[in-house]
Amino acid sequence: MERFAFSLGFASLLLVAASASAERYIENSDRFPGWRGELPAEPGFRPNQSQPQGTPDTSVGFGELGQEEWRGEVIELSWTPRAFLYKGFLSDAECQHFIDKAKPGMTKSTVVDNETGKSVDSTVRTSTGTFFNRGEDEVVRRIEKRIAQVSHIPVENGEGIQILHYVNGQKYEPHHDFFHDKVNALPENGGQRVATVLMYLTTVEEGGETVFPSSPSKVSGPEWSDCAKKGLAVKTTRGDALLFFGLKPDGETDASSLHGSCPTTKGEKWSATKWMHVGPFGQSADTQKAGWGACVDGDTRCEQWAAKGECQKNPKYMLSSCRKACKTCKEEGPPDTAAS
């Protein structure tokens, strides 16, 4: 009996030692690089104290631990196409900054010709719009960095942000954001567009939804316009951002990413669009070394193209890659990105 008691006691000591060893291993192990001991929140945790007691936190954070670029609710809308809604992605001040900055430069919107790749007028698109240069000011840089964080696509792969304004029934018929022509999708132009982030700067009273008519999902109900009911649709709500992909994970174009802007029948619709490519867009190696947003040209032929009016005819490419020739910047070096 004494031998049994001794054996039992010895076994207990071994278990305690093993447990302590395991705890030290978990504490000291580098099995999870970057993990600093964070644990899931307890049920009912409410970072936003305006939420009712017992409401779980469903927010997602993006950026370095403790220095997140953005945290908020992400809604999985669809996998055909791949589409996600980021609630409250922009603040009211950021939305208003975009609108106020864009108003003086608004012109009739154009579309890309499928054969030539040039920008042309079309009844398909009846909005007005303007472009911001990439990294144009502190607010633009901050939001472009935020977009890069949530999309996992580098800042340098993005085009300049486009601001659009719809009113009095203006619309944009269903279209694809990926290019059908060979010129714009060339590697030297950043390759094909892979994804789009559409940011809503106002809340529309009636209409103005973003609709995906080729999606197998359909919305229904009196709150949606007849246009929106043709497919998966998203309401235009100030501060929200829609991320969707025009390419599939294997690099093939996704036909289900066909989308349009339903007629805005009551109120005004302001939106900001960021198109992103598979590679760096609109800058040569020399331009990238100078820092994105620097007042330089990305091609030796920019002055020649600008003289022929390409800054107005093909703004999508020219205003990002030929900033100096198109006179859309001042030669005062790369912008201060410390606040971005």
C-alpha atoms as a PDB file:
ATOM      1  CA  MET A   1       0.000   0.000   0.000  1.00  0.00           C
ATOM      2  CA  GLU A   2       2.852   2.382   0.867  1.00  0.00           C
ATOM      3  CA  ARG A   3       4.494   1.604  -2.505  1.00  0.00           C
ATOM      4  CA  PHE A   4       1.181   2.377  -4.282  1.00  0.00           C
ATOM      5  CA  ALA A   5       0.796   5.668  -2.408  1.00  0.00           C
ATOM      6  CA  PHE A   6       4.382   6.615  -3.299  1.00  0.00           C
ATOM      7  CA  SER A   7       3.769   5.781  -6.977  1.00  0.00           C
ATOM      8  CA  LEU A   8       0.565   7.827  -7.020  1.00  0.00           C
ATOM      9  CA  GLY A   9       2.290  10.799  -5.413  1.00  0.00           C
ATOM     10  CA  PHE A  10       5.212  10.581  -7.842  1.00  0.00           C
ATOM     11  CA  ALA A  11       2.810  10.461 -10.800  1.00  0.00           C
ATOM     12  CA  SER A  12       1.048  13.570  -9.497  1.00  0.00           C
ATOM     13  CA  LEU A  13       4.365  15.414  -9.289  1.00  0.00           C
ATOM     14  CA  LEU A  14       5.149  14.418 -12.875  1.00  0.00           C
ATOM     15  CA  LEU A  15       1.778  15.790 -14.044  1.00  0.00           C
ATOM     16  CA  VAL A  16       2.371  19.093 -12.242  1.00  0.00           C
ATOM     17  CA  ALA A  17       5.861  19.357 -13.739  1.00  0.00           C
ATOM     18  CA  ALA A  18       4.556  18.558 -17.215  1.00  0.00           C
ATOM     19  CA  SER A  19       1.831  21.171 -16.851  1.00  0.00           C
ATOM     20  CA  ALA A  20       4.343  23.815 -15.773  1.00  0.00           C
ATOM     21  CA  SER A  21       6.607  22.860 -18.658  1.00  0.00           C
ATOM     22  CA  ALA A  22       3.709  23.178 -21.111  1.00  0.00           C
ATOM     23  CA  GLU A  23       2.835  26.615 -19.732  1.00  0.00           C
ATOM     24  CA  ARG A  24       6.440  27.765 -20.163  1.00  0.00           C
ATOM     25  CA  TYR A  25       6.416  26.387 -23.702  1.00  0.00           C
ATOM     26  CA  ILE A  26       3.262  28.282 -24.598  1.00  0.00           C
ATOM     27  CA  GLU A  27       4.648  31.481 -23.058  1.00  0.00           C
ATOM     28  CA  ASN A  28       8.083  31.225 -24.667  1.00  0.00           C
ATOM     29  CA  SER A  29       7.242  29.521 -27.943  1.00  0.00           C
ATOM     30  CA  ASP A  30       7.300  31.456 -31.205  1.00  0.00           C
ATOM     31  CA  ARG A  31       4.704  29.221 -32.808  1.00  0.00           C
ATOM     32  CA  PHE A  32       2.520  32.268 -33.487  1.00  0.00           C
ATOM     33  CA  PRO A  33       4.755  35.063 -34.839  1.00  0.00           C
ATOM     34  CA  GLY A  34       3.303  38.485 -34.098  1.00  0.00           C
ATOM     35  CA  TRP A  35       0.927  37.184 -31.410  1.00  0.00           C
ATOM     36  CA  ARG A  36       1.187  39.234 -28.204  1.00  0.00           C
ATOM     37  CA  GLY A  37      -1.171  37.276 -26.033  1.00  0.00           C
ATOM     38  CA  GLU A  38      -4.462  38.764 -27.245  1.00  0.00           C
ATOM     39  CA  LEU A  39      -7.505  36.649 -26.463  1.00  0.00           C
ATOM     40  CA  PRO A  40     -11.068  36.697 -27.884  1.00  0.00           C
ATOM     41  CA  ALA A  41     -13.401  39.149 -26.183  1.00  0.00           C
ATOM     42  CA  GLU A  42     -15.885  37.797 -23.686  1.00  0.00           C
ATOM     43  CA  PRO A  43     -19.478  37.406 -24.951  1.00  0.00           C
ATOM     44  CA  GLY A  44     -21.241  40.734 -24.645  1.00  0.00           C
ATOM     45  CA  PHE A  45     -18.066  42.832 -24.946  1.00  0.00           C
ATOM     46  CA  ARG A  46     -19.035  46.259 -26.297  1.00  0.00           C
ATOM     47  CA  PRO A  47     -16.254  48.570 -27.545  1.00  0.00           C
ATOM     48  CA  ASN A  48     -18.985  51.010 -28.566  1.00  0.00           C
ATOM     49  CA  GLN A  49     -20.830  51.806 -25.358  1.00  0.00           C
ATOM     50  CA  SER A  50     -23.849  53.032 -27.341  1.00  0.00           C
ATOM     51  CA  GLN A  51     -24.602  49.415 -28.213  1.00  0.00           C
ATOM     52  CA  PRO A  52     -27.163  47.619 -26.025  1.00  0.00           C
ATOM     53  CA  GLN A  53     -25.799  45.439 -23.231  1.00  0.00           C
ATOM     54  CA  GLY A  54     -25.219  41.914 -24.503  1.00  0.00           C
ATOM     55  CA  THR A  55     -24.565  42.977 -28.113  1.00  0.00           C
ATOM     56  CA  PRO A  56     -21.442  41.081 -29.288  1.00  0.00           C
ATOM     57  CA  ASP A  57     -18.601  42.934 -30.999  1.00  0.00           C
ATOM     58  CA  THR A  58     -18.647  42.002 -34.693  1.00  0.00           C
ATOM     59  CA  SER A  59     -16.050  44.547 -35.797  1.00  0.00           C
ATOM     60  CA  VAL A  60     -12.865  43.677 -37.660  1.00  0.00           C
ATOM     61  CA  GLY A  61      -9.602  45.616 -37.394  1.00  0.00           C
ATOM     62  CA  PHE A  62      -7.043  46.251 -40.132  1.00  0.00           C
ATOM     63  CA  GLY A  63      -3.468  47.426 -39.650  1.00  0.00           C
ATOM     64  CA  GLU A  64      -0.700  46.883 -37.143  1.00  0.00           C
ATOM     65  CA  LEU A  65      -1.687  45.780 -33.660  1.00  0.00           C
ATOM     66  CA  GLY A  66      -2.470  48.845 -31.572  1.00  0.00           C
ATOM     67  CA  GLN A  67      -2.217  51.084 -34.649  1.00  0.00           C
ATOM     68  CA  GLU A  68      -5.182  49.970 -36.707  1.00  0.00           C
ATOM     69  CA  GLU A  69      -5.972  51.966 -39.830  1.00  0.00           C
ATOM     70  CA  TRP A  70      -9.641  51.111 -39.471  1.00  0.00           C
ATOM     71  CA  ARG A  71     -11.959  48.971 -37.358  1.00  0.00           C
ATOM     72  CA  GLY A  72     -15.597  48.321 -38.127  1.00  0.00           C
ATOM     73  CA  GLU A  73     -18.249  45.888 -39.280  1.00  0.00           C
ATOM     74  CA  VAL A  74     -17.541  43.921 -42.465  1.00  0.00           C
ATOM     75  CA  ILE A  75     -20.517  42.278 -44.181  1.00  0.00           C
ATOM     76  CA  GLU A  76     -19.961  39.374 -46.570  1.00  0.00           C
ATOM     77  CA  LEU A  77     -22.363  40.150 -49.406  1.00  0.00           C
ATOM     78  CA  SER A  78     -21.530  37.572 -52.043  1.00  0.00           C
ATOM     79  CA  TRP A  79     -18.982  35.144 -53.444  1.00  0.00           C
ATOM     80  CA  THR A  80     -20.389  35.471 -56.976  1.00  0.00           C
ATOM     81  CA  PRO A  81     -18.997  38.064 -57.363  1.00  0.00           C
ATOM     82  CA  ARG A  82     -16.726  38.398 -54.346  1.00  0.00           C
ATOM     83  CA  ALA A  83     -18.193  41.470 -52.630  1.00  0.00           C
ATOM     84  CA  PHE A  84     -17.882  42.881 -49.103  1.00  0.00           C
ATOM     85  CA  LEU A  85     -19.413  45.935 -47.410  1.00  0.00           C
ATOM     86  CA  TYR A  86     -17.401  47.967 -44.872  1.00  0.00           C
ATOM     87  CA  LYS A  87     -19.751  49.918 -42.615  1.00  0.00           C
ATOM     88  CA  GLY A  88     -18.604  53.391 -41.601  1.00  0.00           C
ATOM     89  CA  PHE A  89     -15.394  53.163 -43.625  1.00  0.00           C
ATOM     90  CA  LEU A  90     -15.206  56.967 -44.001  1.00  0.00           C
ATOM     91  CA  SER A  91     -16.023  59.613 -41.411  1.00  0.00           C
ATOM     92  CA  ASP A  92     -18.503  62.412 -42.143  1.00  0.00           C
ATOM     93  CA  ALA A  93     -15.587  64.855 -42.327  1.00  0.00           C
ATOM     94  CA  GLU A  94     -13.766  62.688 -44.883  1.00  0.00           C
ATOM     95  CA  CYS A  95     -16.902  62.378 -47.022  1.00  0.00           C
ATOM     96  CA  GLN A  96     -17.431  66.132 -46.983  1.00  0.00           C
ATOM     97  CA  HIS A  97     -13.763  66.796 -47.761  1.00  0.00           C
ATOM     98  CA  PHE A  98     -14.038  64.705 -50.914  1.00  0.00           C
ATOM     99  CA  ILE A  99     -17.235  66.469 -52.029  1.00  0.00           C
ATOM    100  CA  ASP A 100     -15.930  69.987 -51.373  1.00  0.00           C
ATOM    101  CA  LYS A 101     -12.616  69.239 -53.055  1.00  0.00           C
ATOM    102  CA  ALA A 102     -14.290  67.752 -56.134  1.00  0.00           C
ATOM    103  CA  LYS A 103     -16.984  70.374 -56.844  1.00  0.00           C
ATOM    104  CA  PRO A 104     -14.811  72.926 -58.719  1.00  0.00           C
ATOM    105  CA  GLY A 105     -13.510  70.330 -61.200  1.00  0.00           C
ATOM    106  CA  MET A 106     -16.624  68.325 -62.078  1.00  0.00           C
ATOM    107  CA  THR A 107     -17.137  67.513 -65.786  1.00  0.00           C
ATOM    108  CA  LYS A 108     -19.336  65.116 -67.768  1.00  0.00           C
ATOM    109  CA  SER A 109     -18.301  61.503 -67.150  1.00  0.00           C
ATOM    110  CA  THR A 110     -16.886  59.347 -69.949  1.00  0.00           C
ATOM    111  CA  VAL A 111     -16.423  55.616 -70.546  1.00  0.00           C
ATOM    112  CA  VAL A 112     -13.521  53.547 -71.912  1.00  0.00           C
ATOM    113  CA  ASP A 113     -13.941  52.441 -75.536  1.00  0.00           C
ATOM    114  CA  ASN A 114     -13.637  48.640 -75.703  1.00  0.00           C
ATOM    115  CA  GLU A 115     -11.652  48.753 -78.951  1.00  0.00           C
ATOM    116  CA  THR A 116      -9.273  51.697 -78.569  1.00  0.00           C
ATOM    117  CA  GLY A 117      -9.046  52.052 -74.795  1.00  0.00           C
ATOM    118  CA  LYS A 118      -9.732  55.804 -75.133  1.00  0.00           C
ATOM    119  CA  SER A 119     -12.195  57.739 -72.978  1.00  0.00           C
ATOM    120  CA  VAL A 120     -15.358  58.664 -74.911  1.00  0.00           C
ATOM    121  CA  ASP A 121     -18.766  60.216 -74.200  1.00  0.00           C
ATOM    122  CA  SER A 122     -21.680  57.798 -73.853  1.00  0.00           C
ATOM    123  CA  THR A 123     -25.355  57.786 -72.885  1.00  0.00           C
ATOM    124  CA  VAL A 124     -24.547  54.705 -70.792  1.00  0.00           C
ATOM    125  CA  ARG A 125     -23.068  57.010 -68.161  1.00  0.00           C
ATOM    126  CA  THR A 126     -24.867  60.272 -67.374  1.00  0.00           C
ATOM    127  CA  SER A 127     -23.073  61.394 -64.202  1.00  0.00           C
ATOM    128  CA  THR A 128     -20.472  64.121 -63.716  1.00  0.00           C
ATOM    129  CA  GLY A 129     -17.075  63.436 -62.220  1.00  0.00           C
ATOM    130  CA  THR A 130     -13.466  64.359 -61.555  1.00  0.00           C
ATOM    131  CA  PHE A 131     -10.213  62.659 -60.542  1.00  0.00           C
ATOM    132  CA  PHE A 132      -7.866  63.176 -57.603  1.00  0.00           C
ATOM    133  CA  ASN A 133      -4.183  62.469 -58.054  1.00  0.00           C
ATOM    134  CA  ARG A 134      -2.867  59.594 -56.007  1.00  0.00           C
ATOM    135  CA  GLY A 135      -1.575  61.002 -52.725  1.00  0.00           C
ATOM    136  CA  GLU A 136      -2.978  64.438 -53.566  1.00  0.00           C
ATOM    137  CA  ASP A 137      -3.421  65.622 -49.982  1.00  0.00           C
ATOM    138  CA  GLU A 138      -3.269  64.310 -46.439  1.00  0.00           C
ATOM    139  CA  VAL A 139      -6.862  63.031 -46.412  1.00  0.00           C
ATOM    140  CA  VAL A 140      -6.479  61.275 -49.769  1.00  0.00           C
ATOM    141  CA  ARG A 141      -3.234  59.635 -48.629  1.00  0.00           C
ATOM    142  CA  ARG A 142      -4.806  58.471 -45.370  1.00  0.00           C
ATOM    143  CA  ILE A 143      -7.772  56.887 -47.132  1.00  0.00           C
ATOM    144  CA  GLU A 144      -5.603  55.296 -49.832  1.00  0.00           C
ATOM    145  CA  LYS A 145      -3.525  53.680 -47.092  1.00  0.00           C
ATOM    146  CA  ARG A 146      -6.731  52.468 -45.421  1.00  0.00           C
ATOM    147  CA  ILE A 147      -7.950  50.970 -48.704  1.00  0.00           C
ATOM    148  CA  ALA A 148      -4.632  49.154 -49.111  1.00  0.00           C
ATOM    149  CA  GLN A 149      -4.984  47.682 -45.620  1.00  0.00           C
ATOM    150  CA  VAL A 150      -8.493  46.287 -46.066  1.00  0.00           C
ATOM    151  CA  SER A 151      -8.019  45.088 -49.659  1.00  0.00           C
ATOM    152  CA  HIS A 152      -4.464  43.740 -49.195  1.00  0.00           C
ATOM    153  CA  ILE A 153      -3.522  45.470 -52.465  1.00  0.00           C
ATOM    154  CA  PRO A 154      -0.560  47.915 -52.346  1.00  0.00           C
ATOM    155  CA  VAL A 155      -1.175  51.653 -52.612  1.00  0.00           C
ATOM    156  CA  GLU A 156       0.984  51.858 -55.736  1.00  0.00           C
ATOM    157  CA  ASN A 157      -1.356  49.450 -57.578  1.00  0.00           C
ATOM    158  CA  GLY A 158      -4.246  51.906 -57.372  1.00  0.00           C
ATOM    159  CA  GLU A 159      -5.448  54.559 -59.783  1.00  0.00           C
ATOM    160  CA  GLY A 160      -6.296  58.050 -58.597  1.00  0.00           C
ATOM    161  CA  ILE A 161      -9.639  58.290 -56.802  1.00  0.00           C
ATOM    162  CA  GLN A 162     -12.574  59.245 -59.028  1.00  0.00           C
ATOM    163  CA  ILE A 163     -15.444  61.304 -57.593  1.00  0.00           C
ATOM    164  CA  LEU A 164     -18.881  60.899 -59.204  1.00  0.00           C
ATOM    165  CA  HIS A 165     -22.105  62.875 -58.765  1.00  0.00           C
ATOM    166  CA  TYR A 166     -25.585  61.620 -59.722  1.00  0.00           C
ATOM    167  CA  VAL A 167     -28.840  63.625 -59.536  1.00  0.00           C
ATOM    168  CA  ASN A 168     -32.230  63.862 -61.295  1.00  0.00           C
ATOM    169  CA  GLY A 169     -32.325  60.280 -62.537  1.00  0.00           C
ATOM    170  CA  GLN A 170     -28.666  60.090 -63.580  1.00  0.00           C
ATOM    171  CA  LYS A 171     -27.290  56.552 -63.737  1.00  0.00           C
ATOM    172  CA  TYR A 172     -24.518  54.257 -64.940  1.00  0.00           C
ATOM    173  CA  GLU A 173     -25.678  51.238 -66.924  1.00  0.00           C
ATOM    174  CA  PRO A 174     -24.261  47.802 -65.925  1.00  0.00           C
ATOM    175  CA  HIS A 175     -20.625  47.394 -66.960  1.00  0.00           C
ATOM    176  CA  HIS A 176     -17.404  45.671 -65.948  1.00  0.00           C
ATOM    177  CA  ASP A 177     -14.482  47.530 -64.392  1.00  0.00           C
ATOM    178  CA  PHE A 178     -11.917  45.178 -65.918  1.00  0.00           C
ATOM    179  CA  PHE A 179     -10.641  46.214 -69.347  1.00  0.00           C
ATOM    180  CA  HIS A 180     -11.813  44.633 -72.593  1.00  0.00           C
ATOM    181  CA  ASP A 181      -9.176  46.389 -74.704  1.00  0.00           C
ATOM    182  CA  LYS A 182      -5.529  45.311 -74.834  1.00  0.00           C
ATOM    183  CA  VAL A 183      -3.928  48.711 -74.237  1.00  0.00           C
ATOM    184  CA  ASN A 184      -5.084  49.526 -70.702  1.00  0.00           C
ATOM    185  CA  ALA A 185      -4.384  45.991 -69.419  1.00  0.00           C
ATOM    186  CA  LEU A 186      -0.744  45.962 -70.577  1.00  0.00           C
ATOM    187  CA  PRO A 187       1.852  45.218 -67.845  1.00  0.00           C
ATOM    188  CA  GLU A 188       3.379  48.686 -68.256  1.00  0.00           C
ATOM    189  CA  ASN A 189      -0.048  50.122 -67.374  1.00  0.00           C
ATOM    190  CA  GLY A 190      -0.319  48.036 -64.214  1.00  0.00           C
ATOM    191  CA  GLY A 191      -1.993  45.075 -65.875  1.00  0.00           C
ATOM    192  CA  GLN A 192      -5.675  44.267 -65.531  1.00  0.00           C
ATOM    193  CA  ARG A 193      -7.888  45.863 -62.885  1.00  0.00           C
ATOM    194  CA  VAL A 194      -8.350  43.315 -60.117  1.00  0.00           C
ATOM    195  CA  ALA A 195     -10.676  45.056 -57.646  1.00  0.00           C
ATOM    196  CA  THR A 196     -12.760  48.151 -56.992  1.00  0.00           C
ATOM    197  CA  VAL A 197     -13.526  50.038 -53.785  1.00  0.00           C
ATOM    198  CA  LEU A 198     -16.657  52.174 -54.082  1.00  0.00           C
ATOM    199  CA  MET A 199     -17.121  54.656 -51.224  1.00  0.00           C
ATOM    200  CA  TYR A 200     -20.486  56.342 -50.645  1.00  0.00           C
ATOM    201  CA  LEU A 201     -20.204  60.026 -49.693  1.00  0.00           C
ATOM    202  CA  THR A 202     -23.950  60.705 -49.264  1.00  0.00           C
ATOM    203  CA  THR A 203     -27.081  58.786 -48.318  1.00  0.00           C
ATOM    204  CA  VAL A 204     -29.549  58.739 -51.214  1.00  0.00           C
ATOM    205  CA  GLU A 205     -33.244  59.143 -50.412  1.00  0.00           C
ATOM    206  CA  GLU A 206     -34.513  57.069 -53.359  1.00  0.00           C
ATOM    207  CA  GLY A 207     -32.657  54.991 -55.938  1.00  0.00           C
ATOM    208  CA  GLY A 208     -28.933  55.204 -56.530  1.00  0.00           C
ATOM    209  CA  GLU A 209     -28.240  51.635 -55.431  1.00  0.00           C
ATOM    210  CA  THR A 210     -25.244  49.711 -56.744  1.00  0.00           C
ATOM    211  CA  VAL A 211     -26.653  46.632 -58.468  1.00  0.00           C
ATOM    212  CA  PHE A 212     -25.014  43.396 -59.662  1.00  0.00           C
ATOM    213  CA  PRO A 213     -27.554  42.031 -62.186  1.00  0.00           C
ATOM    214  CA  SER A 214     -25.516  38.888 -62.968  1.00  0.00           C
ATOM    215  CA  SER A 215     -25.346  37.781 -59.337  1.00  0.00           C
ATOM    216  CA  PRO A 216     -27.480  34.739 -58.424  1.00  0.00           C
ATOM    217  CA  SER A 217     -28.654  36.671 -55.345  1.00  0.00           C
ATOM    218  CA  LYS A 218     -31.577  39.086 -55.661  1.00  0.00           C
ATOM    219  CA  VAL A 219     -32.908  41.733 -53.272  1.00  0.00           C
ATOM    220  CA  SER A 220     -36.612  42.273 -52.704  1.00  0.00           C
ATOM    221  CA  GLY A 221     -38.922  44.540 -50.769  1.00  0.00           C
ATOM    222  CA  PRO A 222     -40.477  48.004 -51.084  1.00  0.00           C
ATOM    223  CA  GLU A 223     -37.297  49.748 -49.926  1.00  0.00           C
ATOM    224  CA  TRP A 224     -35.518  48.815 -53.174  1.00  0.00           C
ATOM    225  CA  SER A 225     -35.976  50.430 -56.595  1.00  0.00           C
ATOM    226  CA  ASP A 226     -37.086  48.323 -59.566  1.00  0.00           C
ATOM    227  CA  CYS A 227     -33.542  48.620 -60.923  1.00  0.00           C
ATOM    228  CA  ALA A 228     -32.033  47.242 -57.700  1.00  0.00           C
ATOM    229  CA  LYS A 229     -34.386  44.244 -57.684  1.00  0.00           C
ATOM    230  CA  LYS A 230     -32.699  42.929 -60.832  1.00  0.00           C
ATOM    231  CA  GLY A 231     -29.880  41.461 -58.747  1.00  0.00           C
ATOM    232  CA  LEU A 232     -27.738  41.789 -55.641  1.00  0.00           C
ATOM    233  CA  ALA A 233     -27.845  45.445 -54.585  1.00  0.00           C
ATOM    234  CA  VAL A 234     -26.265  47.788 -52.042  1.00  0.00           C
ATOM    235  CA  LYS A 235     -27.876  50.912 -50.593  1.00  0.00           C
ATOM    236  CA  THR A 236     -25.984  54.191 -50.900  1.00  0.00           C
ATOM    237  CA  THR A 237     -25.239  55.049 -47.263  1.00  0.00           C
ATOM    238  CA  ARG A 238     -22.830  57.819 -46.327  1.00  0.00           C
ATOM    239  CA  GLY A 239     -19.485  56.506 -45.092  1.00  0.00           C
ATOM    240  CA  ASP A 240     -19.926  52.896 -46.241  1.00  0.00           C
ATOM    241  CA  ALA A 241     -17.515  51.290 -48.711  1.00  0.00           C
ATOM    242  CA  LEU A 242     -18.086  48.400 -51.114  1.00  0.00           C
ATOM    243  CA  LEU A 243     -15.133  46.194 -52.115  1.00  0.00           C
ATOM    244  CA  PHE A 244     -15.625  43.795 -55.016  1.00  0.00           C
ATOM    245  CA  PHE A 245     -13.309  41.872 -57.314  1.00  0.00           C
ATOM    246  CA  GLY A 246     -13.435  41.866 -61.103  1.00  0.00           C
ATOM    247  CA  LEU A 247     -10.955  39.006 -61.352  1.00  0.00           C
ATOM    248  CA  LYS A 248     -11.294  35.520 -59.925  1.00  0.00           C
ATOM    249  CA  PRO A 249      -8.530  34.116 -57.675  1.00  0.00           C
ATOM    250  CA  ASP A 250      -7.029  32.351 -60.715  1.00  0.00           C
ATOM    251  CA  GLY A 251      -6.743  35.664 -62.586  1.00  0.00           C
ATOM    252  CA  GLU A 252      -9.643  35.070 -64.968  1.00  0.00           C
ATOM    253  CA  THR A 253     -12.174  37.877 -65.414  1.00  0.00           C
ATOM    254  CA  ASP A 254     -15.374  37.432 -63.396  1.00  0.00           C
ATOM    255  CA  ALA A 255     -18.470  38.072 -65.522  1.00  0.00           C
ATOM    256  CA  SER A 256     -20.632  38.189 -62.387  1.00  0.00           C
ATOM    257  CA  SER A 257     -18.887  41.437 -61.357  1.00  0.00           C
ATOM    258  CA  LEU A 258     -21.114  43.256 -63.875  1.00  0.00           C
ATOM    259  CA  HIS A 259     -22.514  46.227 -61.947  1.00  0.00           C
ATOM    260  CA  GLY A 260     -24.251  49.554 -62.403  1.00  0.00           C
ATOM    261  CA  SER A 261     -25.581  52.596 -60.570  1.00  0.00           C
ATOM    262  CA  CYS A 262     -29.384  52.688 -60.479  1.00  0.00           C
ATOM    263  CA  PRO A 263     -31.046  56.028 -61.333  1.00  0.00           C
ATOM    264  CA  THR A 264     -30.902  58.482 -58.440  1.00  0.00           C
ATOM    265  CA  THR A 265     -34.543  59.568 -58.315  1.00  0.00           C
ATOM    266  CA  LYS A 266     -34.579  61.564 -55.065  1.00  0.00           C
ATOM    267  CA  GLY A 267     -31.650  63.325 -53.458  1.00  0.00           C
ATOM    268  CA  GLU A 268     -28.024  63.410 -54.570  1.00  0.00           C
ATOM    269  CA  LYS A 269     -25.503  60.608 -54.881  1.00  0.00           C
ATOM    270  CA  TRP A 270     -21.818  61.366 -54.386  1.00  0.00           C
ATOM    271  CA  SER A 271     -19.344  58.492 -54.537  1.00  0.00           C
ATOM    272  CA  ALA A 272     -15.586  57.936 -54.613  1.00  0.00           C
ATOM    273  CA  THR A 273     -14.102  55.070 -56.638  1.00  0.00           C
ATOM    274  CA  LYS A 274     -10.668  53.477 -56.352  1.00  0.00           C
ATOM    275  CA  TRP A 275      -9.675  50.984 -59.059  1.00  0.00           C
ATOM    276  CA  MET A 276      -6.768  48.658 -58.277  1.00  0.00           C
ATOM    277  CA  HIS A 277      -4.529  46.744 -60.671  1.00  0.00           C
ATOM    278  CA  VAL A 278      -2.572  43.509 -60.427  1.00  0.00           C
ATOM    279  CA  GLY A 279       0.686  45.515 -60.577  1.00  0.00           C
ATOM    280  CA  PRO A 280       1.983  49.057 -59.911  1.00  0.00           C
ATOM    281  CA  PHE A 281      -0.089  51.550 -61.883  1.00  0.00           C
ATOM    282  CA  GLY A 282       0.995  54.643 -63.766  1.00  0.00           C
ATOM    283  CA  GLN A 283       4.549  55.015 -62.529  1.00  0.00           C
ATOM    284  CA  SER A 284       7.918  54.023 -63.906  1.00  0.00           C
ATOM    285  CA  ALA A 285      10.704  52.774 -61.652  1.00  0.00           C
ATOM    286  CA  ASP A 286      12.116  56.328 -61.495  1.00  0.00           C
ATOM    287  CA  THR A 287       8.736  57.698 -60.437  1.00  0.00           C
ATOM    288  CA  GLN A 288       8.374  55.062 -57.714  1.00  0.00           C
ATOM    289  CA  LYS A 289      11.823  55.924 -56.336  1.00  0.00           C
ATOM    290  CA  ALA A 290      10.786  59.572 -56.167  1.00  0.00           C
ATOM    291  CA  GLY A 291       7.813  58.574 -54.015  1.00  0.00           C
ATOM    292  CA  TRP A 292       4.203  58.020 -55.074  1.00  0.00           C
ATOM    293  CA  GLY A 293       2.444  61.316 -55.581  1.00  0.00           C
ATOM    294  CA  ALA A 294       5.658  63.123 -56.600  1.00  0.00           C
ATOM    295  CA  CYS A 295       5.295  65.719 -59.373  1.00  0.00           C
ATOM    296  CA  VAL A 296       7.036  63.786 -62.144  1.00  0.00           C
ATOM    297  CA  ASP A 297       6.105  62.030 -65.379  1.00  0.00           C
ATOM    298  CA  GLY A 298       6.146  58.248 -65.602  1.00  0.00           C
ATOM    299  CA  ASP A 299       6.998  58.147 -69.309  1.00  0.00           C
ATOM    300  CA  THR A 300       9.326  60.164 -71.541  1.00  0.00           C
ATOM    301  CA  ARG A 301       6.466  60.606 -74.029  1.00  0.00           C
ATOM    302  CA  CYS A 302       4.147  62.371 -71.554  1.00  0.00           C
ATOM    303  CA  GLU A 303       4.849  65.882 -72.870  1.00  0.00           C
ATOM    304  CA  GLN A 304       4.134  64.721 -76.418  1.00  0.00           C
ATOM    305  CA  TRP A 305       0.885  63.044 -75.391  1.00  0.00           C
ATOM    306  CA  ALA A 306      -0.210  66.076 -73.362  1.00  0.00           C
ATOM    307  CA  ALA A 307       0.389  68.361 -76.357  1.00  0.00           C
ATOM    308  CA  LYS A 308      -2.032  66.205 -78.359  1.00  0.00           C
ATOM    309  CA  GLY A 309      -4.773  66.598 -75.737  1.00  0.00           C
ATOM    310  CA  GLU A 310      -4.482  63.152 -74.138  1.00  0.00           C
ATOM    311  CA  CYS A 311      -4.836  64.626 -70.628  1.00  0.00           C
ATOM    312  CA  GLN A 312      -8.478  65.334 -71.502  1.00  0.00           C
ATOM    313  CA  LYS A 313      -9.070  62.396 -73.838  1.00  0.00           C
ATOM    314  CA  ASN A 314      -7.562  59.664 -71.643  1.00  0.00           C
ATOM    315  CA  PRO A 315      -7.564  61.017 -68.056  1.00  0.00           C
ATOM    316  CA  LYS A 316      -7.567  57.602 -66.363  1.00  0.00           C
ATOM    317  CA  TYR A 317      -4.006  56.962 -67.484  1.00  0.00           C
ATOM    318  CA  MET A 318      -2.647  60.456 -68.069  1.00  0.00           C
ATOM    319  CA  LEU A 319      -3.643  62.079 -64.763  1.00  0.00           C
ATOM    320  CA  SER A 320      -1.816  59.383 -62.817  1.00  0.00           C
ATOM    321  CA  SER A 321       1.237  58.651 -64.978  1.00  0.00           C
ATOM    322  CA  CYS A 322       1.824  62.081 -66.593  1.00  0.00           C
ATOM    323  CA  ARG A 323       1.067  64.415 -63.682  1.00  0.00           C
ATOM    324  CA  LYS A 324       3.768  66.944 -64.547  1.00  0.00           C
ATOM    325  CA  ALA A 325       2.865  67.118 -68.248  1.00  0.00           C
ATOM    326  CA  CYS A 326      -0.843  67.458 -67.450  1.00  0.00           C
ATOM    327  CA  LYS A 327      -0.025  70.190 -64.901  1.00  0.00           C
ATOM    328  CA  THR A 328      -1.991  68.514 -62.118  1.00  0.00           C
ATOM    329  CA  CYS A 329       0.732  68.985 -59.490  1.00  0.00           C
ATOM    330  CA  LYS A 330       3.415  71.409 -58.336  1.00  0.00           C
ATOM    331  CA  GLU A 331       7.115  70.591 -58.445  1.00  0.00           C
ATOM    332  CA  GLU A 332       7.790  70.714 -54.735  1.00  0.00           C
ATOM    333  CA  GLY A 333       8.933  67.163 -54.089  1.00  0.00           C
ATOM    334  CA  PRO A 334       7.042  64.179 -52.698  1.00  0.00           C
ATOM    335  CA  PRO A 335       4.298  64.927 -50.167  1.00  0.00           C
ATOM    336  CA  ASP A 336       4.818  64.583 -46.447  1.00  0.00           C
ATOM    337  CA  THR A 337       3.352  61.167 -45.639  1.00  0.00           C
ATOM    338  CA  ALA A 338       3.992  61.294 -41.888  1.00  0.00           C
ATOM    339  CA  ALA A 339       0.320  61.914 -41.143  1.00  0.00           C
ATOM    340  CA  SER A 340      -0.949  59.202 -43.483  1.00  0.00           C
END
